[in-house]
Amino acid sequence: MKVSLIRKVVGALHILLNAGLIMEVFFDSENIVPGVSVETLLHIRGTADGVASCNIGIGLLLLISSSIQGLPAAKTVLKV
């Protein structure tokens, strides 16, 4: 498998899974744990939002960097 294909697949998975996490937490959070307080839900939403946003950014970075030509430069991007 080529390194650029791996970065495209992993980047797309980061974006899809974390967009789903945002949708789940914001639109269906009452079904996660029934009877939880509003304060706890706000903390869960804040944490999940931060984690998902960072992972979506990582996915975009991987998708953009998949156009790098040359194996040494591509390996350097994956190491960082």
Protein backbone atom coordinates (compact mmCIF):
# COMPACT_ATOMS: atom_id res chain seq x y z
CA MET A 1 0.00 0.00 0.00
CA LYS A 2 1.26 3.46 -0.80
CA VAL A 3 1.83 5.93 1.99
CA SER A 4 -0.43 8.52 0.35
CA LEU A 5 -3.31 6.04 0.25
CA ILE A 6 -2.82 5.22 3.92
CA ARG A 7 -2.93 8.92 4.80
CA LYS A 8 -6.11 9.41 2.74
CA VAL A 9 -7.87 6.48 4.40
CA VAL A 10 -6.80 7.40 7.93
CA GLY A 11 -7.67 11.07 7.36
CA ALA A 12 -11.12 10.21 6.03
CA LEU A 13 -11.75 7.90 8.99
CA HIS A 14 -10.72 10.62 11.44
CA ILE A 15 -13.15 13.05 9.85
CA LEU A 16 -16.07 10.63 9.55
CA LEU A 17 -15.84 9.08 13.00
CA ASN A 18 -15.42 12.38 14.82
CA ALA A 19 -18.15 14.12 12.85
CA GLY A 20 -20.36 11.25 13.99
CA LEU A 21 -19.21 11.82 17.57
CA ILE A 22 -20.20 15.48 17.38
CA MET A 23 -23.61 14.57 15.95
CA GLU A 24 -24.16 11.92 18.63
CA VAL A 25 -23.25 14.17 21.53
CA PHE A 26 -25.13 17.24 20.37
CA PHE A 27 -28.29 15.70 18.96
CA ASP A 28 -28.78 12.50 20.94
CA SER A 29 -27.00 13.04 24.24
CA GLU A 30 -30.07 12.30 26.37
CA ASN A 31 -29.99 8.67 25.26
CA ILE A 32 -26.34 8.14 26.22
CA VAL A 33 -27.01 8.09 29.97
CA PRO A 34 -30.65 8.57 30.99
CA GLY A 35 -31.28 10.75 34.01
CA VAL A 36 -27.94 12.58 33.98
CA SER A 37 -27.81 16.17 35.20
CA VAL A 38 -27.55 19.13 32.85
CA GLU A 39 -24.15 20.09 34.30
CA THR A 40 -22.71 16.68 33.53
CA LEU A 41 -24.07 16.78 29.99
CA LEU A 42 -22.43 20.16 29.43
CA HIS A 43 -19.07 18.81 30.60
CA ILE A 44 -19.41 15.75 28.37
CA ARG A 45 -20.34 17.91 25.38
CA GLY A 46 -17.41 20.26 25.98
CA THR A 47 -14.88 17.45 26.22
CA ALA A 48 -16.26 15.54 23.25
CA ASP A 49 -16.36 18.72 21.18
CA GLY A 50 -12.70 19.46 21.89
CA VAL A 51 -11.53 15.93 21.16
CA ALA A 52 -13.57 15.64 17.98
CA SER A 53 -12.43 19.04 16.70
CA CYS A 54 -8.78 18.11 17.19
CA ASN A 55 -9.26 14.79 15.43
CA ILE A 56 -11.08 16.43 12.51
CA GLY A 57 -8.12 18.80 12.18
CA ILE A 58 -5.71 15.85 12.19
CA GLY A 59 -7.83 14.19 9.50
CA LEU A 60 -7.72 17.31 7.33
CA LEU A 61 -3.96 17.55 7.84
CA LEU A 62 -3.54 13.95 6.73
CA LEU A 63 -5.74 14.46 3.67
CA ILE A 64 -3.87 17.60 2.64
CA SER A 65 -0.46 16.03 3.24
CA SER A 66 -1.35 12.98 1.15
CA SER A 67 -0.35 14.93 -1.95
CA ILE A 68 3.32 15.00 -0.85
CA GLN A 69 5.49 13.26 -3.39
CA GLY A 70 8.54 11.31 -2.29
CA LEU A 71 8.78 8.67 0.39
CA PRO A 72 11.27 10.41 2.77
CA ALA A 73 9.12 13.55 3.03
CA ALA A 74 5.97 11.48 3.52
CA LYS A 75 7.59 9.47 6.31
CA THR A 76 8.67 12.70 7.99
CA VAL A 77 5.09 13.96 8.01
CA LEU A 78 3.83 10.72 9.52
CA LYS A 79 6.49 10.77 12.26
CA VAL A 80 5.52 14.26 13.44
